[in-house]
Amino acid sequence: PISSISLSSFRAPVSFHAHLPPFLISHAHPPPPAAMSAFLGYIYSFFKGYAALVVALYMLSYVVPKAAFGARVLASYISLAVAAGWGVFASIFLKLIGEQGIAQWMTGRFLYYIMAVTTGVTFEVIDPNHILDNTRPAVFVGNHQTELDVLMLGTMFPKYCSVTAKASLKKTPILGWFMTLSGSIFIDRKNTKDAKDAMAGAAEQIRKRNQSVYMFPEGTRSYAKDPVLLPFKKGAFHLAVQAGVPIVPCVVANYSHVLYLKGLIFNSGKIPVKVLDPIPTTGLTAADVDELTRKTRDLMLEELVSLTEKAQGRPMKVTHDVPSAKTTGTDATDTISAL
């Protein structure tokens, strides 16, 4: 009878099954209810134990202050995992209703509220001229200090803005799916020789989608204890010139008093981030990129020192020297060569 026919009775050629994606094969033979129940129980037990460990470390920190570092690191990881899961589902839904452009903004805000509770760390956006809301499209550039910058992005990310990523990340499970679904701007450097060529496709996407992007021109995290900037790579500036959109510098005060990995410091606190006036690129060409890069870096460095002085309540010194690995905790020589 028809009711007795099952997928297991269908014998397709071996070559057919060999090419089926694993998730399709698993769907053809769904796990029994008992196995699913056991799996969900395992997930629940994991999160319950994880939460208990975080709470225990927070309590221990009253006696052993360094325990707060471990507590906030673990709390950050679980917050990121939850936000990433939310981001995938939110991106699918927003894509279906034609609002893909706000997927990363929505995911970022979700992360902001979670980490405010789990770590006590927040960012305060200083944008008196409402540039984040009124400037689009644009290339936003910011200083890059630590992994905590993902929370900074979650705080200040404007709507219809995305991060940029290497085209190869499209094939990365979960992360690649989220970035594709949320409308990330992918840059293909596989067959290009310089930053100008690499940014051509991204510039076209910015114009076509009327979408902004956020980039870290230092190219890597500085892990700096003092307010310094690594040398800027030129990719973001080539992109802005080719797309004909303004550069919007965003400066985050040095927050080594909140997070300093080398010293195992991770405290709660509020960190200021200031949005500077847009720098127009109308009429500029590739020949102007060097000067545009230098001008932007100088403006950001001056603001970085000023903002940090106010945040930490101590005088700072402006230095235009190239930071060394000793002063930043990372190998600055890896960032000297521009794209």
C-alpha atoms as a PDB file:
ATOM      1  CA  PRO A   1       0.000   0.000   0.000  1.00  0.00           C
ATOM      2  CA  ILE A   2       1.044   3.601  -0.586  1.00  0.00           C
ATOM      3  CA  SER A   3       1.120   4.327   3.152  1.00  0.00           C
ATOM      4  CA  SER A   4       3.867   1.735   3.628  1.00  0.00           C
ATOM      5  CA  ILE A   5       6.235   3.368   1.140  1.00  0.00           C
ATOM      6  CA  SER A   6       9.159   5.097   2.845  1.00  0.00           C
ATOM      7  CA  LEU A   7      12.187   7.003   1.672  1.00  0.00           C
ATOM      8  CA  SER A   8      14.377   4.097   2.740  1.00  0.00           C
ATOM      9  CA  SER A   9      12.677   1.850   0.131  1.00  0.00           C
ATOM     10  CA  PHE A  10      13.748   4.156  -2.673  1.00  0.00           C
ATOM     11  CA  ARG A  11      17.112   2.983  -3.937  1.00  0.00           C
ATOM     12  CA  ALA A  12      18.738   5.741  -5.930  1.00  0.00           C
ATOM     13  CA  PRO A  13      22.024   5.222  -7.747  1.00  0.00           C
ATOM     14  CA  VAL A  14      25.073   5.385  -5.469  1.00  0.00           C
ATOM     15  CA  SER A  15      26.405   8.402  -7.351  1.00  0.00           C
ATOM     16  CA  PHE A  16      23.194  10.316  -6.529  1.00  0.00           C
ATOM     17  CA  HIS A  17      23.484   9.751  -2.770  1.00  0.00           C
ATOM     18  CA  ALA A  18      27.186  10.474  -2.870  1.00  0.00           C
ATOM     19  CA  HIS A  19      26.501  14.010  -4.033  1.00  0.00           C
ATOM     20  CA  LEU A  20      23.665  14.796  -1.644  1.00  0.00           C
ATOM     21  CA  PRO A  21      24.536  17.446   0.952  1.00  0.00           C
ATOM     22  CA  PRO A  22      24.651  15.945   4.463  1.00  0.00           C
ATOM     23  CA  PHE A  23      21.779  18.083   5.743  1.00  0.00           C
ATOM     24  CA  LEU A  24      19.484  16.771   2.972  1.00  0.00           C
ATOM     25  CA  ILE A  25      20.328  13.177   3.821  1.00  0.00           C
ATOM     26  CA  SER A  26      19.626  13.822   7.505  1.00  0.00           C
ATOM     27  CA  HIS A  27      16.269  15.371   6.625  1.00  0.00           C
ATOM     28  CA  ALA A  28      15.371  12.291   4.567  1.00  0.00           C
ATOM     29  CA  HIS A  29      15.849  10.182   7.715  1.00  0.00           C
ATOM     30  CA  PRO A  30      14.857  12.443  10.631  1.00  0.00           C
ATOM     31  CA  PRO A  31      16.132  11.419  14.061  1.00  0.00           C
ATOM     32  CA  PRO A  32      13.670   9.666  16.360  1.00  0.00           C
ATOM     33  CA  PRO A  33      11.944  11.828  19.003  1.00  0.00           C
ATOM     34  CA  ALA A  34      14.073  10.301  21.763  1.00  0.00           C
ATOM     35  CA  ALA A  35      17.307  11.315  20.031  1.00  0.00           C
ATOM     36  CA  MET A  36      16.042  14.839  19.430  1.00  0.00           C
ATOM     37  CA  SER A  37      14.948  15.139  23.050  1.00  0.00           C
ATOM     38  CA  ALA A  38      18.367  13.968  24.216  1.00  0.00           C
ATOM     39  CA  PHE A  39      20.084  16.496  21.953  1.00  0.00           C
ATOM     40  CA  LEU A  40      17.967  19.382  23.244  1.00  0.00           C
ATOM     41  CA  GLY A  41      18.636  18.223  26.781  1.00  0.00           C
ATOM     42  CA  TYR A  42      22.359  18.305  26.100  1.00  0.00           C
ATOM     43  CA  ILE A  43      22.137  21.849  24.735  1.00  0.00           C
ATOM     44  CA  TYR A  44      20.128  22.967  27.772  1.00  0.00           C
ATOM     45  CA  SER A  45      22.628  21.371  30.158  1.00  0.00           C
ATOM     46  CA  PHE A  46      25.528  23.032  28.352  1.00  0.00           C
ATOM     47  CA  PHE A  47      24.041  26.524  28.585  1.00  0.00           C
ATOM     48  CA  LYS A  48      23.005  25.933  32.195  1.00  0.00           C
ATOM     49  CA  GLY A  49      26.528  24.864  33.145  1.00  0.00           C
ATOM     50  CA  TYR A  50      28.072  27.697  31.137  1.00  0.00           C
ATOM     51  CA  ALA A  51      25.882  30.276  32.879  1.00  0.00           C
ATOM     52  CA  ALA A  52      26.692  28.786  36.284  1.00  0.00           C
ATOM     53  CA  LEU A  53      30.425  29.057  35.551  1.00  0.00           C
ATOM     54  CA  VAL A  54      30.100  32.708  34.525  1.00  0.00           C
ATOM     55  CA  VAL A  55      28.121  33.558  37.656  1.00  0.00           C
ATOM     56  CA  ALA A  56      30.638  31.691  39.829  1.00  0.00           C
ATOM     57  CA  LEU A  57      33.540  33.634  38.316  1.00  0.00           C
ATOM     58  CA  TYR A  58      31.737  36.933  38.835  1.00  0.00           C
ATOM     59  CA  MET A  59      31.190  36.027  42.504  1.00  0.00           C
ATOM     60  CA  LEU A  60      34.814  34.937  42.859  1.00  0.00           C
ATOM     61  CA  SER A  61      35.967  38.288  41.449  1.00  0.00           C
ATOM     62  CA  TYR A  62      34.950  39.967  44.725  1.00  0.00           C
ATOM     63  CA  VAL A  63      37.795  38.024  46.341  1.00  0.00           C
ATOM     64  CA  VAL A  64      40.080  37.491  43.333  1.00  0.00           C
ATOM     65  CA  PRO A  65      39.663  40.524  41.009  1.00  0.00           C
ATOM     66  CA  LYS A  66      41.321  38.783  38.046  1.00  0.00           C
ATOM     67  CA  ALA A  67      38.423  36.303  37.950  1.00  0.00           C
ATOM     68  CA  ALA A  68      36.323  39.088  36.416  1.00  0.00           C
ATOM     69  CA  PHE A  69      38.456  38.788  33.281  1.00  0.00           C
ATOM     70  CA  GLY A  70      37.456  35.162  32.772  1.00  0.00           C
ATOM     71  CA  ALA A  71      33.832  35.888  33.613  1.00  0.00           C
ATOM     72  CA  ARG A  72      33.499  38.661  31.043  1.00  0.00           C
ATOM     73  CA  VAL A  73      35.404  36.738  28.365  1.00  0.00           C
ATOM     74  CA  LEU A  74      33.043  33.771  28.745  1.00  0.00           C
ATOM     75  CA  ALA A  75      30.026  36.080  28.893  1.00  0.00           C
ATOM     76  CA  SER A  76      31.186  37.775  25.688  1.00  0.00           C
ATOM     77  CA  TYR A  77      31.531  34.478  23.821  1.00  0.00           C
ATOM     78  CA  ILE A  78      28.061  33.281  24.737  1.00  0.00           C
ATOM     79  CA  SER A  79      26.603  36.703  23.913  1.00  0.00           C
ATOM     80  CA  LEU A  80      28.215  36.605  20.474  1.00  0.00           C
ATOM     81  CA  ALA A  81      26.938  33.069  19.854  1.00  0.00           C
ATOM     82  CA  VAL A  82      23.373  34.025  20.755  1.00  0.00           C
ATOM     83  CA  ALA A  83      23.548  37.195  18.643  1.00  0.00           C
ATOM     84  CA  ALA A  84      24.943  35.263  15.668  1.00  0.00           C
ATOM     85  CA  GLY A  85      22.095  32.757  15.831  1.00  0.00           C
ATOM     86  CA  TRP A  86      19.592  35.581  16.030  1.00  0.00           C
ATOM     87  CA  GLY A  87      21.323  37.299  13.108  1.00  0.00           C
ATOM     88  CA  VAL A  88      20.925  34.330  10.770  1.00  0.00           C
ATOM     89  CA  PHE A  89      17.180  34.015  11.379  1.00  0.00           C
ATOM     90  CA  ALA A  90      16.645  37.788  11.336  1.00  0.00           C
ATOM     91  CA  SER A  91      18.523  38.079   8.032  1.00  0.00           C
ATOM     92  CA  ILE A  92      16.372  35.397   6.408  1.00  0.00           C
ATOM     93  CA  PHE A  93      13.171  37.105   7.532  1.00  0.00           C
ATOM     94  CA  LEU A  94      14.347  40.599   6.519  1.00  0.00           C
ATOM     95  CA  LYS A  95      15.479  39.340   3.118  1.00  0.00           C
ATOM     96  CA  LEU A  96      12.029  37.875   2.499  1.00  0.00           C
ATOM     97  CA  ILE A  97      10.325  41.209   3.222  1.00  0.00           C
ATOM     98  CA  GLY A  98      12.865  43.262   1.244  1.00  0.00           C
ATOM     99  CA  GLU A  99      14.598  44.872   4.238  1.00  0.00           C
ATOM    100  CA  GLN A 100      17.948  43.100   3.977  1.00  0.00           C
ATOM    101  CA  GLY A 101      19.772  46.410   4.428  1.00  0.00           C
ATOM    102  CA  ILE A 102      18.963  46.654   8.140  1.00  0.00           C
ATOM    103  CA  ALA A 103      19.966  43.083   9.049  1.00  0.00           C
ATOM    104  CA  GLN A 104      23.399  43.960  10.409  1.00  0.00           C
ATOM    105  CA  TRP A 105      22.002  47.001  12.222  1.00  0.00           C
ATOM    106  CA  MET A 106      19.344  44.855  13.915  1.00  0.00           C
ATOM    107  CA  THR A 107      21.831  42.134  14.853  1.00  0.00           C
ATOM    108  CA  GLY A 108      24.256  44.713  16.217  1.00  0.00           C
ATOM    109  CA  ARG A 109      21.618  46.302  18.431  1.00  0.00           C
ATOM    110  CA  PHE A 110      20.660  42.868  19.727  1.00  0.00           C
ATOM    111  CA  LEU A 111      24.307  42.231  20.693  1.00  0.00           C
ATOM    112  CA  TYR A 112      24.541  45.653  22.351  1.00  0.00           C
ATOM    113  CA  TYR A 113      21.678  44.941  24.743  1.00  0.00           C
ATOM    114  CA  ILE A 114      22.885  41.421  25.557  1.00  0.00           C
ATOM    115  CA  MET A 115      26.445  42.483  26.378  1.00  0.00           C
ATOM    116  CA  ALA A 116      25.282  45.469  28.397  1.00  0.00           C
ATOM    117  CA  VAL A 117      23.693  42.914  30.729  1.00  0.00           C
ATOM    118  CA  THR A 118      26.301  40.128  30.590  1.00  0.00           C
ATOM    119  CA  THR A 119      29.483  42.256  30.723  1.00  0.00           C
ATOM    120  CA  GLY A 120      28.469  45.743  31.839  1.00  0.00           C
ATOM    121  CA  VAL A 121      30.326  47.261  28.875  1.00  0.00           C
ATOM    122  CA  THR A 122      28.610  49.886  26.725  1.00  0.00           C
ATOM    123  CA  PHE A 123      29.610  52.445  24.113  1.00  0.00           C
ATOM    124  CA  GLU A 124      28.325  56.021  24.063  1.00  0.00           C
ATOM    125  CA  VAL A 125      27.938  57.469  20.562  1.00  0.00           C
ATOM    126  CA  ILE A 126      28.710  61.183  20.231  1.00  0.00           C
ATOM    127  CA  ASP A 127      27.054  62.342  17.012  1.00  0.00           C
ATOM    128  CA  PRO A 128      25.717  65.888  17.560  1.00  0.00           C
ATOM    129  CA  ASN A 129      25.154  66.499  13.843  1.00  0.00           C
ATOM    130  CA  HIS A 130      23.259  63.210  13.329  1.00  0.00           C
ATOM    131  CA  ILE A 131      25.722  62.131  10.652  1.00  0.00           C
ATOM    132  CA  LEU A 132      24.986  58.427  11.131  1.00  0.00           C
ATOM    133  CA  ASP A 133      21.331  58.965  10.239  1.00  0.00           C
ATOM    134  CA  ASN A 134      21.768  61.558   7.496  1.00  0.00           C
ATOM    135  CA  THR A 135      24.838  60.462   5.514  1.00  0.00           C
ATOM    136  CA  ARG A 136      24.239  57.652   3.022  1.00  0.00           C
ATOM    137  CA  PRO A 137      25.918  56.106   1.239  1.00  0.00           C
ATOM    138  CA  ALA A 138      29.339  56.636   2.787  1.00  0.00           C
ATOM    139  CA  VAL A 139      32.501  54.801   3.766  1.00  0.00           C
ATOM    140  CA  PHE A 140      32.775  54.848   7.553  1.00  0.00           C
ATOM    141  CA  VAL A 141      36.297  54.277   8.887  1.00  0.00           C
ATOM    142  CA  GLY A 142      37.296  53.651  12.489  1.00  0.00           C
ATOM    143  CA  ASN A 143      40.242  52.728  14.676  1.00  0.00           C
ATOM    144  CA  HIS A 144      40.559  49.048  15.541  1.00  0.00           C
ATOM    145  CA  GLN A 145      41.694  48.154  19.064  1.00  0.00           C
ATOM    146  CA  THR A 146      40.474  44.704  20.145  1.00  0.00           C
ATOM    147  CA  GLU A 147      37.787  42.090  19.575  1.00  0.00           C
ATOM    148  CA  LEU A 148      35.488  44.300  21.656  1.00  0.00           C
ATOM    149  CA  ASP A 149      35.092  46.515  18.585  1.00  0.00           C
ATOM    150  CA  VAL A 150      32.337  44.183  17.421  1.00  0.00           C
ATOM    151  CA  LEU A 151      30.272  45.564  20.310  1.00  0.00           C
ATOM    152  CA  MET A 152      31.184  49.091  19.230  1.00  0.00           C
ATOM    153  CA  LEU A 153      29.822  48.322  15.772  1.00  0.00           C
ATOM    154  CA  GLY A 154      26.667  46.945  17.329  1.00  0.00           C
ATOM    155  CA  THR A 155      26.205  50.234  19.160  1.00  0.00           C
ATOM    156  CA  MET A 156      26.795  52.729  16.361  1.00  0.00           C
ATOM    157  CA  PHE A 157      26.130  50.799  13.152  1.00  0.00           C
ATOM    158  CA  PRO A 158      23.667  52.870  11.064  1.00  0.00           C
ATOM    159  CA  LYS A 159      20.855  51.321   9.062  1.00  0.00           C
ATOM    160  CA  TYR A 160      21.679  50.254   5.498  1.00  0.00           C
ATOM    161  CA  CYS A 161      25.343  49.792   6.333  1.00  0.00           C
ATOM    162  CA  SER A 162      27.453  46.648   6.239  1.00  0.00           C
ATOM    163  CA  VAL A 163      30.961  45.473   6.867  1.00  0.00           C
ATOM    164  CA  THR A 164      33.256  44.498   4.012  1.00  0.00           C
ATOM    165  CA  ALA A 165      34.723  41.025   3.706  1.00  0.00           C
ATOM    166  CA  LYS A 166      36.904  38.913   1.450  1.00  0.00           C
ATOM    167  CA  ALA A 167      34.902  37.149  -1.245  1.00  0.00           C
ATOM    168  CA  SER A 168      36.264  33.786  -0.046  1.00  0.00           C
ATOM    169  CA  LEU A 169      34.255  34.132   3.192  1.00  0.00           C
ATOM    170  CA  LYS A 170      31.055  33.503   1.236  1.00  0.00           C
ATOM    171  CA  LYS A 171      31.823  29.784   1.422  1.00  0.00           C
ATOM    172  CA  THR A 172      32.381  29.742   5.193  1.00  0.00           C
ATOM    173  CA  PRO A 173      29.559  27.896   7.015  1.00  0.00           C
ATOM    174  CA  ILE A 174      27.316  30.024   9.263  1.00  0.00           C
ATOM    175  CA  LEU A 175      29.474  33.161   9.066  1.00  0.00           C
ATOM    176  CA  GLY A 176      29.370  33.210   5.277  1.00  0.00           C
ATOM    177  CA  TRP A 177      25.638  32.531   5.268  1.00  0.00           C
ATOM    178  CA  PHE A 178      24.974  35.383   7.693  1.00  0.00           C
ATOM    179  CA  MET A 179      27.182  37.822   5.781  1.00  0.00           C
ATOM    180  CA  THR A 180      25.546  36.920   2.469  1.00  0.00           C
ATOM    181  CA  LEU A 181      22.006  37.079   3.842  1.00  0.00           C
ATOM    182  CA  SER A 182      22.657  40.388   5.616  1.00  0.00           C
ATOM    183  CA  GLY A 183      24.005  42.102   2.496  1.00  0.00           C
ATOM    184  CA  SER A 184      27.731  42.355   3.216  1.00  0.00           C
ATOM    185  CA  ILE A 185      29.915  43.965   0.558  1.00  0.00           C
ATOM    186  CA  PHE A 186      32.376  41.340  -0.664  1.00  0.00           C
ATOM    187  CA  ILE A 187      35.748  42.315  -2.099  1.00  0.00           C
ATOM    188  CA  ASP A 188      37.380  39.961  -4.591  1.00  0.00           C
ATOM    189  CA  ARG A 189      41.165  40.257  -4.470  1.00  0.00           C
ATOM    190  CA  LYS A 190      41.894  36.899  -6.075  1.00  0.00           C
ATOM    191  CA  ASN A 191      42.882  38.265  -9.455  1.00  0.00           C
ATOM    192  CA  THR A 192      43.785  41.868  -8.606  1.00  0.00           C
ATOM    193  CA  LYS A 193      47.143  43.504  -8.071  1.00  0.00           C
ATOM    194  CA  ASP A 194      46.288  46.562  -6.003  1.00  0.00           C
ATOM    195  CA  ALA A 195      43.657  48.191  -3.828  1.00  0.00           C
ATOM    196  CA  LYS A 196      42.210  50.236  -6.687  1.00  0.00           C
ATOM    197  CA  ASP A 197      41.284  47.167  -8.724  1.00  0.00           C
ATOM    198  CA  ALA A 198      40.097  45.229  -5.673  1.00  0.00           C
ATOM    199  CA  MET A 199      37.628  47.953  -4.726  1.00  0.00           C
ATOM    200  CA  ALA A 200      36.076  48.440  -8.171  1.00  0.00           C
ATOM    201  CA  GLY A 201      33.387  45.805  -7.701  1.00  0.00           C
ATOM    202  CA  ALA A 202      32.614  46.962  -4.163  1.00  0.00           C
ATOM    203  CA  ALA A 203      32.210  50.560  -5.342  1.00  0.00           C
ATOM    204  CA  GLU A 204      29.642  49.444  -7.890  1.00  0.00           C
ATOM    205  CA  GLN A 205      27.687  47.590  -5.194  1.00  0.00           C
ATOM    206  CA  ILE A 206      27.651  50.692  -2.962  1.00  0.00           C
ATOM    207  CA  ARG A 207      26.220  52.836  -5.756  1.00  0.00           C
ATOM    208  CA  LYS A 208      23.719  50.203  -6.855  1.00  0.00           C
ATOM    209  CA  ARG A 209      22.398  49.417  -3.360  1.00  0.00           C
ATOM    210  CA  ASN A 210      22.747  52.955  -1.962  1.00  0.00           C
ATOM    211  CA  GLN A 211      24.462  51.230   0.945  1.00  0.00           C
ATOM    212  CA  SER A 212      27.234  52.392   3.274  1.00  0.00           C
ATOM    213  CA  VAL A 213      30.152  50.287   4.511  1.00  0.00           C
ATOM    214  CA  TYR A 214      32.279  50.311   7.660  1.00  0.00           C
ATOM    215  CA  MET A 215      36.000  49.549   7.423  1.00  0.00           C
ATOM    216  CA  PHE A 216      39.039  49.459   9.694  1.00  0.00           C
ATOM    217  CA  PRO A 217      41.862  51.084   7.684  1.00  0.00           C
ATOM    218  CA  GLU A 218      44.537  49.892  10.138  1.00  0.00           C
ATOM    219  CA  GLY A 219      43.880  46.414   8.799  1.00  0.00           C
ATOM    220  CA  THR A 220      44.402  44.719  12.172  1.00  0.00           C
ATOM    221  CA  ARG A 221      43.817  45.265  15.874  1.00  0.00           C
ATOM    222  CA  SER A 222      46.339  47.474  17.657  1.00  0.00           C
ATOM    223  CA  TYR A 223      45.823  46.130  21.213  1.00  0.00           C
ATOM    224  CA  ALA A 224      47.350  49.446  22.279  1.00  0.00           C
ATOM    225  CA  LYS A 225      47.526  50.623  25.878  1.00  0.00           C
ATOM    226  CA  ASP A 226      47.806  54.252  24.756  1.00  0.00           C
ATOM    227  CA  PRO A 227      45.936  56.242  22.065  1.00  0.00           C
ATOM    228  CA  VAL A 228      47.874  55.324  18.920  1.00  0.00           C
ATOM    229  CA  LEU A 229      46.975  54.414  15.348  1.00  0.00           C
ATOM    230  CA  LEU A 230      48.719  51.856  13.188  1.00  0.00           C
ATOM    231  CA  PRO A 231      49.554  52.892   9.596  1.00  0.00           C
ATOM    232  CA  PHE A 232      46.457  53.121   7.413  1.00  0.00           C
ATOM    233  CA  LYS A 233      45.936  50.895   4.411  1.00  0.00           C
ATOM    234  CA  LYS A 234      44.424  52.607   1.400  1.00  0.00           C
ATOM    235  CA  GLY A 235      41.601  50.260   0.435  1.00  0.00           C
ATOM    236  CA  ALA A 236      38.825  52.206   2.171  1.00  0.00           C
ATOM    237  CA  PHE A 237      39.945  55.443   0.549  1.00  0.00           C
ATOM    238  CA  HIS A 238      40.164  53.954  -2.944  1.00  0.00           C
ATOM    239  CA  LEU A 239      36.662  52.607  -2.369  1.00  0.00           C
ATOM    240  CA  ALA A 240      35.269  56.010  -1.347  1.00  0.00           C
ATOM    241  CA  VAL A 241      36.883  57.773  -4.309  1.00  0.00           C
ATOM    242  CA  GLN A 242      35.686  55.198  -6.833  1.00  0.00           C
ATOM    243  CA  ALA A 243      32.155  55.192  -5.435  1.00  0.00           C
ATOM    244  CA  GLY A 244      32.120  58.990  -5.172  1.00  0.00           C
ATOM    245  CA  VAL A 245      30.935  58.899  -1.553  1.00  0.00           C
ATOM    246  CA  PRO A 246      32.295  60.704   1.522  1.00  0.00           C
ATOM    247  CA  ILE A 247      34.646  59.298   4.132  1.00  0.00           C
ATOM    248  CA  VAL A 248      33.161  59.474   7.646  1.00  0.00           C
ATOM    249  CA  PRO A 249      35.808  59.046  10.377  1.00  0.00           C
ATOM    250  CA  CYS A 250      34.626  57.402  13.610  1.00  0.00           C
ATOM    251  CA  VAL A 251      36.949  57.522  16.613  1.00  0.00           C
ATOM    252  CA  VAL A 252      36.736  55.254  19.650  1.00  0.00           C
ATOM    253  CA  ALA A 253      38.600  56.414  22.758  1.00  0.00           C
ATOM    254  CA  ASN A 254      41.384  54.101  23.868  1.00  0.00           C
ATOM    255  CA  TYR A 255      39.743  51.669  26.276  1.00  0.00           C
ATOM    256  CA  SER A 256      42.692  49.765  27.728  1.00  0.00           C
ATOM    257  CA  HIS A 257      41.278  50.618  31.174  1.00  0.00           C
ATOM    258  CA  VAL A 258      38.244  48.500  30.234  1.00  0.00           C
ATOM    259  CA  LEU A 259      39.885  45.732  28.169  1.00  0.00           C
ATOM    260  CA  TYR A 260      43.622  45.060  28.050  1.00  0.00           C
ATOM    261  CA  LEU A 261      44.308  41.444  27.145  1.00  0.00           C
ATOM    262  CA  LYS A 262      48.005  41.509  27.957  1.00  0.00           C
ATOM    263  CA  GLY A 263      47.233  42.549  31.530  1.00  0.00           C
ATOM    264  CA  LEU A 264      44.185  40.266  31.884  1.00  0.00           C
ATOM    265  CA  ILE A 265      42.024  43.342  32.449  1.00  0.00           C
ATOM    266  CA  PHE A 266      38.337  43.279  31.522  1.00  0.00           C
ATOM    267  CA  ASN A 267      36.185  45.727  33.468  1.00  0.00           C
ATOM    268  CA  SER A 268      32.714  47.136  33.009  1.00  0.00           C
ATOM    269  CA  GLY A 269      32.493  50.701  31.746  1.00  0.00           C
ATOM    270  CA  LYS A 270      31.170  53.182  29.209  1.00  0.00           C
ATOM    271  CA  ILE A 271      33.412  53.971  26.224  1.00  0.00           C
ATOM    272  CA  PRO A 272      32.887  57.082  24.078  1.00  0.00           C
ATOM    273  CA  VAL A 273      32.944  56.933  20.275  1.00  0.00           C
ATOM    274  CA  LYS A 274      32.726  60.135  18.260  1.00  0.00           C
ATOM    275  CA  VAL A 275      31.539  60.586  14.679  1.00  0.00           C
ATOM    276  CA  LEU A 276      33.531  63.274  12.853  1.00  0.00           C
ATOM    277  CA  ASP A 277      32.344  65.416   9.953  1.00  0.00           C
ATOM    278  CA  PRO A 278      32.261  63.724   6.527  1.00  0.00           C
ATOM    279  CA  ILE A 279      35.230  64.266   4.215  1.00  0.00           C
ATOM    280  CA  PRO A 280      33.960  64.715   0.628  1.00  0.00           C
ATOM    281  CA  THR A 281      35.612  62.837  -2.226  1.00  0.00           C
ATOM    282  CA  THR A 282      33.819  64.554  -5.123  1.00  0.00           C
ATOM    283  CA  GLY A 283      36.268  65.243  -7.939  1.00  0.00           C
ATOM    284  CA  LEU A 284      39.074  63.186  -6.390  1.00  0.00           C
ATOM    285  CA  THR A 285      40.999  60.544  -8.312  1.00  0.00           C
ATOM    286  CA  ALA A 286      43.374  57.735  -7.429  1.00  0.00           C
ATOM    287  CA  ALA A 287      46.178  60.295  -7.402  1.00  0.00           C
ATOM    288  CA  ASP A 288      44.559  61.972  -4.391  1.00  0.00           C
ATOM    289  CA  VAL A 289      44.214  58.837  -2.279  1.00  0.00           C
ATOM    290  CA  ASP A 290      47.550  59.204  -0.472  1.00  0.00           C
ATOM    291  CA  GLU A 291      46.702  62.720   0.719  1.00  0.00           C
ATOM    292  CA  LEU A 292      43.146  61.691   1.623  1.00  0.00           C
ATOM    293  CA  THR A 293      44.511  58.820   3.700  1.00  0.00           C
ATOM    294  CA  ARG A 294      47.031  61.033   5.497  1.00  0.00           C
ATOM    295  CA  LYS A 295      44.476  63.758   6.202  1.00  0.00           C
ATOM    296  CA  THR A 296      41.951  61.298   7.620  1.00  0.00           C
ATOM    297  CA  ARG A 297      44.511  59.586   9.835  1.00  0.00           C
ATOM    298  CA  ASP A 298      45.771  62.900  11.248  1.00  0.00           C
ATOM    299  CA  LEU A 299      42.228  64.024  12.097  1.00  0.00           C
ATOM    300  CA  MET A 300      41.428  60.720  13.755  1.00  0.00           C
ATOM    301  CA  LEU A 301      44.654  60.646  15.768  1.00  0.00           C
ATOM    302  CA  GLU A 302      44.071  64.109  17.204  1.00  0.00           C
ATOM    303  CA  GLU A 303      40.505  63.221  18.152  1.00  0.00           C
ATOM    304  CA  LEU A 304      41.630  59.876  19.584  1.00  0.00           C
ATOM    305  CA  VAL A 305      43.995  61.602  22.002  1.00  0.00           C
ATOM    306  CA  SER A 306      41.430  64.239  22.995  1.00  0.00           C
ATOM    307  CA  LEU A 307      38.648  61.698  23.492  1.00  0.00           C
ATOM    308  CA  THR A 308      40.887  59.406  25.545  1.00  0.00           C
ATOM    309  CA  GLU A 309      41.993  62.255  27.801  1.00  0.00           C
ATOM    310  CA  LYS A 310      38.371  62.973  28.651  1.00  0.00           C
ATOM    311  CA  ALA A 311      37.475  59.306  29.096  1.00  0.00           C
ATOM    312  CA  GLN A 312      40.439  58.331  31.276  1.00  0.00           C
ATOM    313  CA  GLY A 313      41.042  61.673  32.987  1.00  0.00           C
ATOM    314  CA  ARG A 314      44.762  61.814  32.270  1.00  0.00           C
ATOM    315  CA  PRO A 315      46.900  63.762  29.777  1.00  0.00           C
ATOM    316  CA  MET A 316      47.915  62.065  26.539  1.00  0.00           C
ATOM    317  CA  LYS A 317      50.608  62.720  23.974  1.00  0.00           C
ATOM    318  CA  VAL A 318      50.072  62.858  20.228  1.00  0.00           C
ATOM    319  CA  THR A 319      52.645  60.810  18.332  1.00  0.00           C
ATOM    320  CA  HIS A 320      52.805  60.467  14.576  1.00  0.00           C
ATOM    321  CA  ASP A 321      55.489  57.777  14.756  1.00  0.00           C
ATOM    322  CA  VAL A 322      54.728  54.287  13.505  1.00  0.00           C
ATOM    323  CA  PRO A 323      53.812  52.181  16.569  1.00  0.00           C
ATOM    324  CA  SER A 324      56.001  49.183  17.318  1.00  0.00           C
ATOM    325  CA  ALA A 325      55.056  45.689  18.396  1.00  0.00           C
ATOM    326  CA  LYS A 326      56.378  46.495  21.881  1.00  0.00           C
ATOM    327  CA  THR A 327      54.007  49.440  22.384  1.00  0.00           C
ATOM    328  CA  THR A 328      50.893  47.895  20.866  1.00  0.00           C
ATOM    329  CA  GLY A 329      51.162  44.213  21.625  1.00  0.00           C
ATOM    330  CA  THR A 330      50.983  43.264  17.948  1.00  0.00           C
ATOM    331  CA  ASP A 331      53.488  43.194  15.117  1.00  0.00           C
ATOM    332  CA  ALA A 332      53.048  46.562  13.446  1.00  0.00           C
ATOM    333  CA  THR A 333      55.382  45.564  10.617  1.00  0.00           C
ATOM    334  CA  ASP A 334      52.604  43.376   9.266  1.00  0.00           C
ATOM    335  CA  THR A 335      50.545  46.485   8.553  1.00  0.00           C
ATOM    336  CA  ILE A 336      53.159  48.759   6.973  1.00  0.00           C
ATOM    337  CA  SER A 337      52.543  47.802   3.365  1.00  0.00           C
ATOM    338  CA  ALA A 338      49.371  49.345   1.959  1.00  0.00           C
ATOM    339  CA  LEU A 339      46.859  47.341  -0.029  1.00  0.00           C
END
